[in-house]
Amino acid sequence: MERQDDSRLMDVGEAADMLGLTVAGLRQRISRGGAAPRPILLGRSQRWRKADVLSWIEQLAAESGANYSSRPVAEKKEEPARRKRGRPRKDSTG
């Protein structure tokens, strides 16, 4: 029997890559009880099912999409012109 790709177990490096985090960043989120998909513990190793990580990403996208749509879009303000750096030069006109 073939295993589906979504049920494959990923190590911390693969899960971090999929989430766009560093390995240290993912481990920090887990240790602090922050926002991260729950790992499966195999002895002292942590593994993630690809399907779980993908569904967690979809859940975040749905939640953030609802929040962003209810917020008004802020208008971009024009920044004042920046002064040139360095020593001022003498005008050639006078």
Protein backbone atom coordinates (compact mmCIF):
# COMPACT_ATOMS: atom_id res chain seq x y z
CA MET A 1 0.00 0.00 0.00
CA GLU A 2 1.22 3.51 -0.80
CA ARG A 3 1.11 6.20 1.82
CA GLN A 4 -0.37 9.50 0.79
CA ASP A 5 2.02 12.44 0.72
CA ASP A 6 -0.15 14.38 3.22
CA SER A 7 0.25 11.69 5.88
CA ARG A 8 4.05 11.72 5.64
CA LEU A 9 5.82 12.78 8.83
CA MET A 10 8.17 15.75 8.60
CA ASP A 11 11.04 16.62 10.93
CA VAL A 12 11.47 20.04 12.53
CA GLY A 13 13.51 21.39 9.61
CA GLU A 14 10.92 20.47 7.00
CA ALA A 15 8.06 21.80 9.12
CA ALA A 16 9.91 25.05 9.75
CA ASP A 17 10.58 25.47 6.01
CA MET A 18 6.93 24.89 5.21
CA LEU A 19 5.90 27.50 7.79
CA GLY A 20 8.52 30.02 6.72
CA LEU A 21 10.25 29.91 10.10
CA THR A 22 13.70 29.01 11.27
CA VAL A 23 14.11 25.79 13.26
CA ALA A 24 14.88 27.87 16.36
CA GLY A 25 11.78 30.01 15.72
CA LEU A 26 9.51 26.98 15.48
CA ARG A 27 10.99 25.40 18.60
CA GLN A 28 10.60 28.68 20.47
CA ARG A 29 6.92 28.94 19.53
CA ILE A 30 6.33 25.37 20.71
CA SER A 31 8.17 25.82 24.01
CA ARG A 32 6.31 29.02 24.82
CA GLY A 33 2.94 27.54 23.91
CA GLY A 34 2.61 29.98 21.04
CA ALA A 35 0.98 29.66 17.68
CA ALA A 36 2.33 26.54 16.01
CA PRO A 37 0.90 23.23 14.83
CA ARG A 38 1.11 20.54 17.52
CA PRO A 39 3.86 18.00 16.94
CA ILE A 40 3.58 14.23 17.26
CA LEU A 41 6.10 12.95 19.79
CA LEU A 42 8.07 9.86 18.80
CA GLY A 43 10.27 9.19 21.79
CA ARG A 44 12.32 12.37 22.08
CA SER A 45 11.71 13.36 18.46
CA GLN A 46 9.03 15.73 17.23
CA ARG A 47 7.34 15.11 13.90
CA TRP A 48 4.53 16.83 12.03
CA ARG A 49 2.05 15.41 9.55
CA LYS A 50 2.06 17.45 6.37
CA ALA A 51 -1.74 17.51 6.37
CA ASP A 52 -1.78 18.97 9.90
CA VAL A 53 0.64 21.74 8.96
CA LEU A 54 -1.31 22.59 5.81
CA SER A 55 -4.63 22.69 7.68
CA TRP A 56 -3.07 24.91 10.37
CA ILE A 57 -1.87 27.32 7.66
CA GLU A 58 -5.34 27.34 6.08
CA GLN A 59 -6.93 28.04 9.46
CA LEU A 60 -4.60 31.02 10.02
CA ALA A 61 -5.31 32.32 6.54
CA ALA A 62 -9.06 32.12 7.11
CA GLU A 63 -8.79 33.88 10.49
CA SER A 64 -6.53 36.64 9.22
CA GLY A 65 -8.64 37.11 6.10
CA ALA A 66 -11.70 37.81 8.24
CA ASN A 67 -9.77 40.27 10.39
CA TYR A 68 -8.25 42.14 7.48
CA SER A 69 -11.52 42.53 5.61
CA SER A 70 -13.16 44.24 8.59
CA ARG A 71 -10.37 46.83 8.95
CA PRO A 72 -10.45 50.02 6.91
CA VAL A 73 -7.50 50.49 4.61
CA ALA A 74 -5.28 53.32 5.83
CA GLU A 75 -4.35 55.95 3.29
CA LYS A 76 -0.66 56.24 2.59
CA LYS A 77 0.74 59.60 3.67
CA GLU A 78 3.29 61.38 1.54
CA GLU A 79 6.63 61.75 3.25
CA PRO A 80 8.35 65.14 3.21
CA ALA A 81 11.32 65.52 0.91
CA ARG A 82 14.54 64.39 2.55
CA ARG A 83 17.48 66.69 2.90
CA LYS A 84 20.65 65.74 1.12
CA ARG A 85 23.40 64.39 3.29
CA GLY A 86 26.87 65.84 3.50
CA ARG A 87 28.38 69.28 3.42
CA PRO A 88 26.34 71.95 1.62
CA ARG A 89 27.87 73.09 -1.64
CA LYS A 90 28.27 76.70 -2.73
CA ASP A 91 25.84 77.85 -5.33
CA SER A 92 27.48 78.52 -8.67
CA THR A 93 25.02 81.42 -9.28
CA GLY A 94 26.21 83.69 -6.63
